[in-house]
Amino acid sequence: FLRETRREGQIDVSYGCEGFLGGYEMDVRDHFYECSAG
């Protein structure tokens, strides 16, 4: 759903900062996963 919504381009949607998503990396948010805490 996130991937398709981003492709539609009507709203800038992304998955939260948590979690490495394998093949979905960069498809559901604007950057690769990293934990910035600390």
PDB file of all heavy atoms in Angstrom:
ATOM      1  N   PHE A   1       0.835  -1.204   0.000  1.00  0.00           N
ATOM      2  CA  PHE A   1       0.000   0.000   0.000  1.00  0.00           C
ATOM      3  C   PHE A   1       0.872   1.257   0.000  1.00  0.00           C
ATOM      4  O   PHE A   1       0.620   2.205  -0.756  1.00  0.00           O
ATOM      5  CB  PHE A   1      -0.913  -0.016   1.226  1.00  0.00           C
ATOM      6  CG  PHE A   1      -1.610   1.291   1.499  1.00  0.00           C
ATOM      7  CD1 PHE A   1      -2.642   1.727   0.685  1.00  0.00           C
ATOM      8  CD2 PHE A   1      -1.230   2.081   2.575  1.00  0.00           C
ATOM      9  CE1 PHE A   1      -3.289   2.932   0.926  1.00  0.00           C
ATOM     10  CE2 PHE A   1      -1.870   3.285   2.837  1.00  0.00           C
ATOM     11  CZ  PHE A   1      -2.894   3.710   2.007  1.00  0.00           C
ATOM     12  N   LEU A   2       1.906   1.269   0.820  1.00  0.00           N
ATOM     13  CA  LEU A   2       2.810   2.413   0.865  1.00  0.00           C
ATOM     14  C   LEU A   2       3.509   2.606  -0.480  1.00  0.00           C
ATOM     15  O   LEU A   2       3.608   3.734  -0.990  1.00  0.00           O
ATOM     16  CB  LEU A   2       3.849   2.210   1.971  1.00  0.00           C
ATOM     17  CG  LEU A   2       3.343   2.317   3.406  1.00  0.00           C
ATOM     18  CD1 LEU A   2       4.345   1.703   4.381  1.00  0.00           C
ATOM     19  CD2 LEU A   2       3.068   3.758   3.784  1.00  0.00           C
ATOM     20  N   ARG A   3       3.972   1.525  -1.055  1.00  0.00           N
ATOM     21  CA  ARG A   3       4.676   1.613  -2.342  1.00  0.00           C
ATOM     22  C   ARG A   3       3.760   2.155  -3.435  1.00  0.00           C
ATOM     23  O   ARG A   3       4.152   3.059  -4.192  1.00  0.00           O
ATOM     24  CB  ARG A   3       5.214   0.232  -2.725  1.00  0.00           C
ATOM     25  CG  ARG A   3       6.044   0.226  -4.001  1.00  0.00           C
ATOM     26  CD  ARG A   3       6.662  -1.138  -4.224  1.00  0.00           C
ATOM     27  NE  ARG A   3       5.655  -2.198  -4.345  1.00  0.00           N
ATOM     28  CZ  ARG A   3       5.939  -3.497  -4.335  1.00  0.00           C
ATOM     29  NH1 ARG A   3       7.184  -3.901  -4.194  1.00  0.00           N
ATOM     30  NH2 ARG A   3       4.976  -4.397  -4.455  1.00  0.00           N
ATOM     31  N   GLU A   4       2.549   1.644  -3.498  1.00  0.00           N
ATOM     32  CA  GLU A   4       1.627   2.105  -4.532  1.00  0.00           C
ATOM     33  C   GLU A   4       1.178   3.544  -4.295  1.00  0.00           C
ATOM     34  O   GLU A   4       1.022   4.315  -5.240  1.00  0.00           O
ATOM     35  CB  GLU A   4       0.412   1.175  -4.597  1.00  0.00           C
ATOM     36  CG  GLU A   4       0.734  -0.239  -5.074  1.00  0.00           C
ATOM     37  CD  GLU A   4       1.448  -0.230  -6.422  1.00  0.00           C
ATOM     38  OE1 GLU A   4       0.951   0.421  -7.362  1.00  0.00           O
ATOM     39  OE2 GLU A   4       2.520  -0.861  -6.513  1.00  0.00           O
ATOM     40  N   THR A   5       0.976   3.915  -3.038  1.00  0.00           N
ATOM     41  CA  THR A   5       0.573   5.289  -2.733  1.00  0.00           C
ATOM     42  C   THR A   5       1.672   6.265  -3.119  1.00  0.00           C
ATOM     43  O   THR A   5       1.405   7.357  -3.639  1.00  0.00           O
ATOM     44  CB  THR A   5       0.234   5.438  -1.234  1.00  0.00           C
ATOM     45  OG1 THR A   5      -0.858   4.564  -0.919  1.00  0.00           O
ATOM     46  CG2 THR A   5      -0.159   6.861  -0.897  1.00  0.00           C
ATOM     47  N   ARG A   6       2.911   5.902  -2.892  1.00  0.00           N
ATOM     48  CA  ARG A   6       4.021   6.760  -3.294  1.00  0.00           C
ATOM     49  C   ARG A   6       4.081   6.887  -4.811  1.00  0.00           C
ATOM     50  O   ARG A   6       4.386   7.962  -5.339  1.00  0.00           O
ATOM     51  CB  ARG A   6       5.335   6.203  -2.742  1.00  0.00           C
ATOM     52  CG  ARG A   6       5.465   6.370  -1.229  1.00  0.00           C
ATOM     53  CD  ARG A   6       6.623   5.559  -0.662  1.00  0.00           C
ATOM     54  NE  ARG A   6       7.909   6.009  -1.143  1.00  0.00           N
ATOM     55  CZ  ARG A   6       8.609   7.012  -0.591  1.00  0.00           C
ATOM     56  NH1 ARG A   6       8.126   7.684   0.437  1.00  0.00           N
ATOM     57  NH2 ARG A   6       9.794   7.348  -1.083  1.00  0.00           N
ATOM     58  N   ARG A   7       3.767   5.813  -5.509  1.00  0.00           N
ATOM     59  CA  ARG A   7       3.763   5.876  -6.970  1.00  0.00           C
ATOM     60  C   ARG A   7       2.649   6.762  -7.499  1.00  0.00           C
ATOM     61  O   ARG A   7       2.804   7.415  -8.531  1.00  0.00           O
ATOM     62  CB  ARG A   7       3.638   4.464  -7.545  1.00  0.00           C
ATOM     63  CG  ARG A   7       4.904   3.625  -7.381  1.00  0.00           C
ATOM     64  CD  ARG A   7       4.684   2.188  -7.814  1.00  0.00           C
ATOM     65  NE  ARG A   7       5.934   1.426  -7.756  1.00  0.00           N
ATOM     66  CZ  ARG A   7       6.021   0.116  -7.957  1.00  0.00           C
ATOM     67  NH1 ARG A   7       4.919  -0.592  -8.223  1.00  0.00           N
ATOM     68  NH2 ARG A   7       7.189  -0.495  -7.881  1.00  0.00           N
ATOM     69  N   GLU A   8       1.532   6.782  -6.807  1.00  0.00           N
ATOM     70  CA  GLU A   8       0.425   7.637  -7.227  1.00  0.00           C
ATOM     71  C   GLU A   8       0.792   9.116  -7.168  1.00  0.00           C
ATOM     72  O   GLU A   8       0.366   9.906  -8.001  1.00  0.00           O
ATOM     73  CB  GLU A   8      -0.796   7.386  -6.342  1.00  0.00           C
ATOM     74  CG  GLU A   8      -1.434   6.027  -6.522  1.00  0.00           C
ATOM     75  CD  GLU A   8      -2.482   5.741  -5.454  1.00  0.00           C
ATOM     76  OE1 GLU A   8      -2.684   6.607  -4.567  1.00  0.00           O
ATOM     77  OE2 GLU A   8      -3.095   4.667  -5.508  1.00  0.00           O
ATOM     78  N   GLY A   9       1.558   9.499  -6.151  1.00  0.00           N
ATOM     79  CA  GLY A   9       2.056  10.861  -6.057  1.00  0.00           C
ATOM     80  C   GLY A   9       1.081  11.893  -5.536  1.00  0.00           C
ATOM     81  O   GLY A   9       1.330  13.098  -5.663  1.00  0.00           O
ATOM     82  N   GLN A  10      -0.022  11.484  -4.913  1.00  0.00           N
ATOM     83  CA  GLN A  10      -0.994  12.449  -4.412  1.00  0.00           C
ATOM     84  C   GLN A  10      -0.707  12.900  -2.988  1.00  0.00           C
ATOM     85  O   GLN A  10      -1.192  13.943  -2.552  1.00  0.00           O
ATOM     86  CB  GLN A  10      -2.400  11.842  -4.493  1.00  0.00           C
ATOM     87  CG  GLN A  10      -2.830  11.520  -5.907  1.00  0.00           C
ATOM     88  CD  GLN A  10      -4.203  10.871  -5.941  1.00  0.00           C
ATOM     89  OE1 GLN A  10      -5.057  11.141  -5.102  1.00  0.00           O
ATOM     90  NE2 GLN A  10      -4.426  10.013  -6.920  1.00  0.00           N
ATOM     91  N   ILE A  11       0.063  12.104  -2.244  1.00  0.00           N
ATOM     92  CA  ILE A  11       0.447  12.451  -0.885  1.00  0.00           C
ATOM     93  C   ILE A  11       1.807  11.810  -0.625  1.00  0.00           C
ATOM     94  O   ILE A  11       2.082  10.701  -1.078  1.00  0.00           O
ATOM     95  CB  ILE A  11      -0.605  11.969   0.142  1.00  0.00           C
ATOM     96  CG1 ILE A  11      -0.279  12.481   1.556  1.00  0.00           C
ATOM     97  CG2 ILE A  11      -0.758  10.459   0.120  1.00  0.00           C
ATOM     98  CD1 ILE A  11      -1.408  12.230   2.567  1.00  0.00           C
ATOM     99  N   ASP A  12       2.673  12.530   0.071  1.00  0.00           N
ATOM    100  CA  ASP A  12       4.007  12.026   0.384  1.00  0.00           C
ATOM    101  C   ASP A  12       3.910  11.147   1.622  1.00  0.00           C
ATOM    102  O   ASP A  12       3.908  11.635   2.746  1.00  0.00           O
ATOM    103  CB  ASP A  12       4.954  13.210   0.627  1.00  0.00           C
ATOM    104  CG  ASP A  12       6.335  12.764   1.081  1.00  0.00           C
ATOM    105  OD1 ASP A  12       6.716  11.633   0.731  1.00  0.00           O
ATOM    106  OD2 ASP A  12       7.019  13.538   1.777  1.00  0.00           O
ATOM    107  N   VAL A  13       3.812   9.846   1.411  1.00  0.00           N
ATOM    108  CA  VAL A  13       3.655   8.899   2.511  1.00  0.00           C
ATOM    109  C   VAL A  13       4.948   8.118   2.687  1.00  0.00           C
ATOM    110  O   VAL A  13       5.685   7.876   1.720  1.00  0.00           O
ATOM    111  CB  VAL A  13       2.475   7.932   2.252  1.00  0.00           C
ATOM    112  CG1 VAL A  13       2.762   6.994   1.085  1.00  0.00           C
ATOM    113  CG2 VAL A  13       2.131   7.140   3.508  1.00  0.00           C
ATOM    114  N   SER A  14       5.239   7.739   3.918  1.00  0.00           N
ATOM    115  CA  SER A  14       6.425   6.933   4.175  1.00  0.00           C
ATOM    116  C   SER A  14       6.191   6.070   5.404  1.00  0.00           C
ATOM    117  O   SER A  14       5.371   6.397   6.268  1.00  0.00           O
ATOM    118  CB  SER A  14       7.663   7.811   4.380  1.00  0.00           C
ATOM    119  OG  SER A  14       7.506   8.645   5.513  1.00  0.00           O
ATOM    120  N   TYR A  15       6.910   4.963   5.453  1.00  0.00           N
ATOM    121  CA  TYR A  15       6.911   4.144   6.659  1.00  0.00           C
ATOM    122  C   TYR A  15       7.835   4.797   7.672  1.00  0.00           C
ATOM    123  O   TYR A  15       8.813   5.453   7.319  1.00  0.00           O
ATOM    124  CB  TYR A  15       7.365   2.720   6.341  1.00  0.00           C
ATOM    125  CG  TYR A  15       7.251   1.772   7.520  1.00  0.00           C
ATOM    126  CD1 TYR A  15       6.006   1.480   8.069  1.00  0.00           C
ATOM    127  CD2 TYR A  15       8.374   1.183   8.080  1.00  0.00           C
ATOM    128  CE1 TYR A  15       5.897   0.622   9.151  1.00  0.00           C
ATOM    129  CE2 TYR A  15       8.273   0.318   9.155  1.00  0.00           C
ATOM    130  CZ  TYR A  15       7.021   0.052   9.696  1.00  0.00           C
ATOM    131  OH  TYR A  15       6.907  -0.789  10.774  1.00  0.00           O
ATOM    132  N   GLY A  16       7.536   4.618   8.961  1.00  0.00           N
ATOM    133  CA  GLY A  16       8.310   5.262  10.015  1.00  0.00           C
ATOM    134  C   GLY A  16       9.772   4.852  10.010  1.00  0.00           C
ATOM    135  O   GLY A  16      10.217   4.007   9.226  1.00  0.00           O
ATOM    136  N   CYS A  17      10.519   5.444  10.916  1.00  0.00           N
ATOM    137  CA  CYS A  17      11.974   5.268  10.924  1.00  0.00           C
ATOM    138  C   CYS A  17      12.405   3.893  11.396  1.00  0.00           C
ATOM    139  O   CYS A  17      13.579   3.541  11.280  1.00  0.00           O
ATOM    140  CB  CYS A  17      12.607   6.342  11.806  1.00  0.00           C
ATOM    141  SG  CYS A  17      12.010   6.339  13.525  1.00  0.00           S
ATOM    142  N   GLU A  18      11.492   3.114  11.957  1.00  0.00           N
ATOM    143  CA  GLU A  18      11.880   1.839  12.547  1.00  0.00           C
ATOM    144  C   GLU A  18      11.993   0.752  11.497  1.00  0.00           C
ATOM    145  O   GLU A  18      11.227   0.705  10.545  1.00  0.00           O
ATOM    146  CB  GLU A  18      10.840   1.418  13.588  1.00  0.00           C
ATOM    147  CG  GLU A  18       9.447   1.203  12.991  1.00  0.00           C
ATOM    148  CD  GLU A  18       8.397   0.891  14.030  1.00  0.00           C
ATOM    149  OE1 GLU A  18       8.361   1.607  15.023  1.00  0.00           O
ATOM    150  OE2 GLU A  18       7.637  -0.058  13.830  1.00  0.00           O
ATOM    151  N   GLY A  19      12.966  -0.118  11.635  1.00  0.00           N
ATOM    152  CA  GLY A  19      12.953  -1.380  10.929  1.00  0.00           C
ATOM    153  C   GLY A  19      13.569  -1.430   9.544  1.00  0.00           C
ATOM    154  O   GLY A  19      13.216  -0.647   8.677  1.00  0.00           O
ATOM    155  N   PHE A  20      14.465  -2.394   9.338  1.00  0.00           N
ATOM    156  CA  PHE A  20      15.022  -2.697   8.028  1.00  0.00           C
ATOM    157  C   PHE A  20      14.026  -3.545   7.263  1.00  0.00           C
ATOM    158  O   PHE A  20      13.508  -4.535   7.774  1.00  0.00           O
ATOM    159  CB  PHE A  20      16.350  -3.441   8.184  1.00  0.00           C
ATOM    160  CG  PHE A  20      16.979  -3.831   6.879  1.00  0.00           C
ATOM    161  CD1 PHE A  20      17.595  -2.879   6.086  1.00  0.00           C
ATOM    162  CD2 PHE A  20      16.950  -5.147   6.446  1.00  0.00           C
ATOM    163  CE1 PHE A  20      18.183  -3.234   4.873  1.00  0.00           C
ATOM    164  CE2 PHE A  20      17.529  -5.514   5.243  1.00  0.00           C
ATOM    165  CZ  PHE A  20      18.144  -4.557   4.449  1.00  0.00           C
ATOM    166  N   LEU A  21      13.764  -3.189   5.994  1.00  0.00           N
ATOM    167  CA  LEU A  21      12.640  -3.751   5.258  1.00  0.00           C
ATOM    168  C   LEU A  21      13.044  -4.552   4.026  1.00  0.00           C
ATOM    169  O   LEU A  21      12.211  -4.806   3.150  1.00  0.00           O
ATOM    170  CB  LEU A  21      11.686  -2.623   4.842  1.00  0.00           C
ATOM    171  CG  LEU A  21      11.122  -1.794   5.998  1.00  0.00           C
ATOM    172  CD1 LEU A  21      10.375  -0.571   5.475  1.00  0.00           C
ATOM    173  CD2 LEU A  21      10.210  -2.638   6.889  1.00  0.00           C
ATOM    174  N   GLY A  22      14.304  -4.962   3.957  1.00  0.00           N
ATOM    175  CA  GLY A  22      14.723  -5.833   2.873  1.00  0.00           C
ATOM    176  C   GLY A  22      14.448  -5.246   1.507  1.00  0.00           C
ATOM    177  O   GLY A  22      14.851  -4.141   1.173  1.00  0.00           O
ATOM    178  N   GLY A  23      13.724  -6.009   0.677  1.00  0.00           N
ATOM    179  CA  GLY A  23      13.425  -5.586  -0.676  1.00  0.00           C
ATOM    180  C   GLY A  23      12.567  -4.346  -0.784  1.00  0.00           C
ATOM    181  O   GLY A  23      12.483  -3.735  -1.859  1.00  0.00           O
ATOM    182  N   TYR A  24      11.921  -3.941   0.304  1.00  0.00           N
ATOM    183  CA  TYR A  24      11.095  -2.726   0.280  1.00  0.00           C
ATOM    184  C   TYR A  24      11.891  -1.463   0.618  1.00  0.00           C
ATOM    185  O   TYR A  24      11.336  -0.368   0.598  1.00  0.00           O
ATOM    186  CB  TYR A  24       9.928  -2.855   1.261  1.00  0.00           C
ATOM    187  CG  TYR A  24       8.843  -3.786   0.788  1.00  0.00           C
ATOM    188  CD1 TYR A  24       8.676  -5.039   1.362  1.00  0.00           C
ATOM    189  CD2 TYR A  24       7.983  -3.410  -0.248  1.00  0.00           C
ATOM    190  CE1 TYR A  24       7.680  -5.901   0.931  1.00  0.00           C
ATOM    191  CE2 TYR A  24       6.983  -4.265  -0.683  1.00  0.00           C
ATOM    192  CZ  TYR A  24       6.839  -5.504  -0.088  1.00  0.00           C
ATOM    193  OH  TYR A  24       5.857  -6.356  -0.531  1.00  0.00           O
ATOM    194  N   GLU A  25      13.182  -1.623   0.950  1.00  0.00           N
ATOM    195  CA  GLU A  25      13.992  -0.439   1.231  1.00  0.00           C
ATOM    196  C   GLU A  25      13.972   0.512   0.028  1.00  0.00           C
ATOM    197  O   GLU A  25      14.110   0.087  -1.117  1.00  0.00           O
ATOM    198  CB  GLU A  25      15.430  -0.844   1.554  1.00  0.00           C
ATOM    199  CG  GLU A  25      15.605  -1.441   2.937  1.00  0.00           C
ATOM    200  CD  GLU A  25      15.335  -0.434   4.049  1.00  0.00           C
ATOM    201  OE1 GLU A  25      15.711   0.746   3.895  1.00  0.00           O
ATOM    202  OE2 GLU A  25      14.739  -0.826   5.066  1.00  0.00           O
ATOM    203  N   MET A  26      13.794   1.799   0.312  1.00  0.00           N
ATOM    204  CA  MET A  26      13.702   2.891  -0.662  1.00  0.00           C
ATOM    205  C   MET A  26      12.392   2.891  -1.449  1.00  0.00           C
ATOM    206  O   MET A  26      12.114   3.823  -2.181  1.00  0.00           O
ATOM    207  CB  MET A  26      14.880   2.886  -1.646  1.00  0.00           C
ATOM    208  CG  MET A  26      16.190   3.366  -1.044  1.00  0.00           C
ATOM    209  SD  MET A  26      16.177   5.086  -0.485  1.00  0.00           S
ATOM    210  CE  MET A  26      16.078   5.966  -2.031  1.00  0.00           C
ATOM    211  N   ASP A  27      11.558   1.848  -1.297  1.00  0.00           N
ATOM    212  CA  ASP A  27      10.253   1.830  -1.955  1.00  0.00           C
ATOM    213  C   ASP A  27       9.180   2.470  -1.092  1.00  0.00           C
ATOM    214  O   ASP A  27       8.163   2.941  -1.614  1.00  0.00           O
ATOM    215  CB  ASP A  27       9.826   0.391  -2.273  1.00  0.00           C
ATOM    216  CG  ASP A  27      10.662  -0.249  -3.372  1.00  0.00           C
ATOM    217  OD1 ASP A  27      11.407   0.482  -4.054  1.00  0.00           O
ATOM    218  OD2 ASP A  27      10.585  -1.485  -3.537  1.00  0.00           O
ATOM    219  N   VAL A  28       9.392   2.473   0.246  1.00  0.00           N
ATOM    220  CA  VAL A  28       8.336   2.925   1.144  1.00  0.00           C
ATOM    221  C   VAL A  28       8.772   4.110   2.019  1.00  0.00           C
ATOM    222  O   VAL A  28       8.022   4.554   2.880  1.00  0.00           O
ATOM    223  CB  VAL A  28       7.820   1.774   2.029  1.00  0.00           C
ATOM    224  CG1 VAL A  28       7.212   0.678   1.165  1.00  0.00           C
ATOM    225  CG2 VAL A  28       8.926   1.207   2.913  1.00  0.00           C
ATOM    226  N   ARG A  29       9.965   4.596   1.825  1.00  0.00           N
ATOM    227  CA  ARG A  29      10.414   5.841   2.462  1.00  0.00           C
ATOM    228  C   ARG A  29      11.545   6.418   1.625  1.00  0.00           C
ATOM    229  O   ARG A  29      12.041   5.767   0.696  1.00  0.00           O
ATOM    230  CB  ARG A  29      10.841   5.606   3.912  1.00  0.00           C
ATOM    231  CG  ARG A  29      11.849   4.534   4.146  1.00  0.00           C
ATOM    232  CD  ARG A  29      12.015   4.238   5.637  1.00  0.00           C
ATOM    233  NE  ARG A  29      12.768   3.004   5.821  1.00  0.00           N
ATOM    234  CZ  ARG A  29      12.630   2.187   6.861  1.00  0.00           C
ATOM    235  NH1 ARG A  29      11.777   2.478   7.824  1.00  0.00           N
ATOM    236  NH2 ARG A  29      13.352   1.089   6.958  1.00  0.00           N
ATOM    237  N   ASP A  30      11.960   7.635   1.949  1.00  0.00           N
ATOM    238  CA  ASP A  30      12.872   8.386   1.084  1.00  0.00           C
ATOM    239  C   ASP A  30      14.339   8.054   1.291  1.00  0.00           C
ATOM    240  O   ASP A  30      15.196   8.683   0.678  1.00  0.00           O
ATOM    241  CB  ASP A  30      12.677   9.891   1.302  1.00  0.00           C
ATOM    242  CG  ASP A  30      11.318  10.379   0.833  1.00  0.00           C
ATOM    243  OD1 ASP A  30      10.668   9.654   0.052  1.00  0.00           O
ATOM    244  OD2 ASP A  30      10.913  11.480   1.233  1.00  0.00           O
ATOM    245  N   HIS A  31      14.646   7.124   2.149  1.00  0.00           N
ATOM    246  CA  HIS A  31      16.033   6.828   2.472  1.00  0.00           C
ATOM    247  C   HIS A  31      16.134   5.375   2.923  1.00  0.00           C
ATOM    248  O   HIS A  31      15.135   4.754   3.294  1.00  0.00           O
ATOM    249  CB  HIS A  31      16.537   7.757   3.585  1.00  0.00           C
ATOM    250  CG  HIS A  31      15.656   7.754   4.802  1.00  0.00           C
ATOM    251  ND1 HIS A  31      15.711   6.765   5.775  1.00  0.00           N
ATOM    252  CD2 HIS A  31      14.661   8.602   5.185  1.00  0.00           C
ATOM    253  CE1 HIS A  31      14.807   7.014   6.710  1.00  0.00           C
ATOM    254  NE2 HIS A  31      14.152   8.112   6.375  1.00  0.00           N
ATOM    255  N   PHE A  32      17.340   4.856   2.891  1.00  0.00           N
ATOM    256  CA  PHE A  32      17.554   3.523   3.447  1.00  0.00           C
ATOM    257  C   PHE A  32      17.443   3.575   4.964  1.00  0.00           C
ATOM    258  O   PHE A  32      17.646   4.619   5.588  1.00  0.00           O
ATOM    259  CB  PHE A  32      18.937   2.999   3.053  1.00  0.00           C
ATOM    260  CG  PHE A  32      19.046   2.586   1.614  1.00  0.00           C
ATOM    261  CD1 PHE A  32      19.880   3.261   0.748  1.00  0.00           C
ATOM    262  CD2 PHE A  32      18.307   1.519   1.121  1.00  0.00           C
ATOM    263  CE1 PHE A  32      19.989   2.887  -0.580  1.00  0.00           C
ATOM    264  CE2 PHE A  32      18.404   1.134  -0.201  1.00  0.00           C
ATOM    265  CZ  PHE A  32      19.252   1.820  -1.058  1.00  0.00           C
ATOM    266  N   TYR A  33      17.139   2.422   5.538  1.00  0.00           N
ATOM    267  CA  TYR A  33      16.994   2.354   6.991  1.00  0.00           C
ATOM    268  C   TYR A  33      18.317   2.633   7.699  1.00  0.00           C
ATOM    269  O   TYR A  33      19.378   2.139   7.307  1.00  0.00           O
ATOM    270  CB  TYR A  33      16.504   0.964   7.417  1.00  0.00           C
ATOM    271  CG  TYR A  33      16.657   0.752   8.902  1.00  0.00           C
ATOM    272  CD1 TYR A  33      15.780   1.356   9.796  1.00  0.00           C
ATOM    273  CD2 TYR A  33      17.725   0.018   9.418  1.00  0.00           C
ATOM    274  CE1 TYR A  33      15.950   1.214  11.164  1.00  0.00           C
ATOM    275  CE2 TYR A  33      17.891  -0.139  10.777  1.00  0.00           C
ATOM    276  CZ  TYR A  33      17.006   0.469  11.648  1.00  0.00           C
ATOM    277  OH  TYR A  33      17.179   0.353  12.994  1.00  0.00           O
ATOM    278  N   GLU A  34      18.240   3.416   8.757  1.00  0.00           N
ATOM    279  CA  GLU A  34      19.322   3.528   9.735  1.00  0.00           C
ATOM    280  C   GLU A  34      18.712   4.001  11.044  1.00  0.00           C
ATOM    281  O   GLU A  34      17.713   4.723  11.054  1.00  0.00           O
ATOM    282  CB  GLU A  34      20.420   4.495   9.281  1.00  0.00           C
ATOM    283  CG  GLU A  34      20.008   5.947   9.183  1.00  0.00           C
ATOM    284  CD  GLU A  34      21.175   6.867   8.824  1.00  0.00           C
ATOM    285  OE1 GLU A  34      22.347   6.517   9.110  1.00  0.00           O
ATOM    286  OE2 GLU A  34      20.914   7.939   8.243  1.00  0.00           O
ATOM    287  N   CYS A  35      19.291   3.559  12.152  1.00  0.00           N
ATOM    288  CA  CYS A  35      18.855   4.021  13.464  1.00  0.00           C
ATOM    289  C   CYS A  35      19.754   5.196  13.845  1.00  0.00           C
ATOM    290  O   CYS A  35      20.952   5.020  14.054  1.00  0.00           O
ATOM    291  CB  CYS A  35      18.966   2.903  14.499  1.00  0.00           C
ATOM    292  SG  CYS A  35      18.392   3.398  16.150  1.00  0.00           S
ATOM    293  N   SER A  36      19.172   6.388  13.929  1.00  0.00           N
ATOM    294  CA  SER A  36      19.958   7.593  14.211  1.00  0.00           C
ATOM    295  C   SER A  36      20.122   7.852  15.704  1.00  0.00           C
ATOM    296  O   SER A  36      20.841   8.774  16.104  1.00  0.00           O
ATOM    297  CB  SER A  36      19.289   8.813  13.558  1.00  0.00           C
ATOM    298  OG  SER A  36      18.031   9.082  14.150  1.00  0.00           O
ATOM    299  N   ALA A  37      19.466   7.032  16.539  1.00  0.00           N
ATOM    300  CA  ALA A  37      19.572   7.217  17.990  1.00  0.00           C
ATOM    301  C   ALA A  37      21.025   7.098  18.435  1.00  0.00           C
ATOM    302  O   ALA A  37      21.705   6.124  18.121  1.00  0.00           O
ATOM    303  CB  ALA A  37      18.718   6.187  18.724  1.00  0.00           C
ATOM    304  N   GLY A  38      21.507   8.096  19.149  1.00  0.00           N
ATOM    305  CA  GLY A  38      22.874   8.083  19.628  1.00  0.00           C
ATOM    306  C   GLY A  38      23.904   8.403  18.566  1.00  0.00           C
ATOM    307  O   GLY A  38      25.098   8.458  18.865  1.00  0.00           O
TER     308      GLY A  38
END
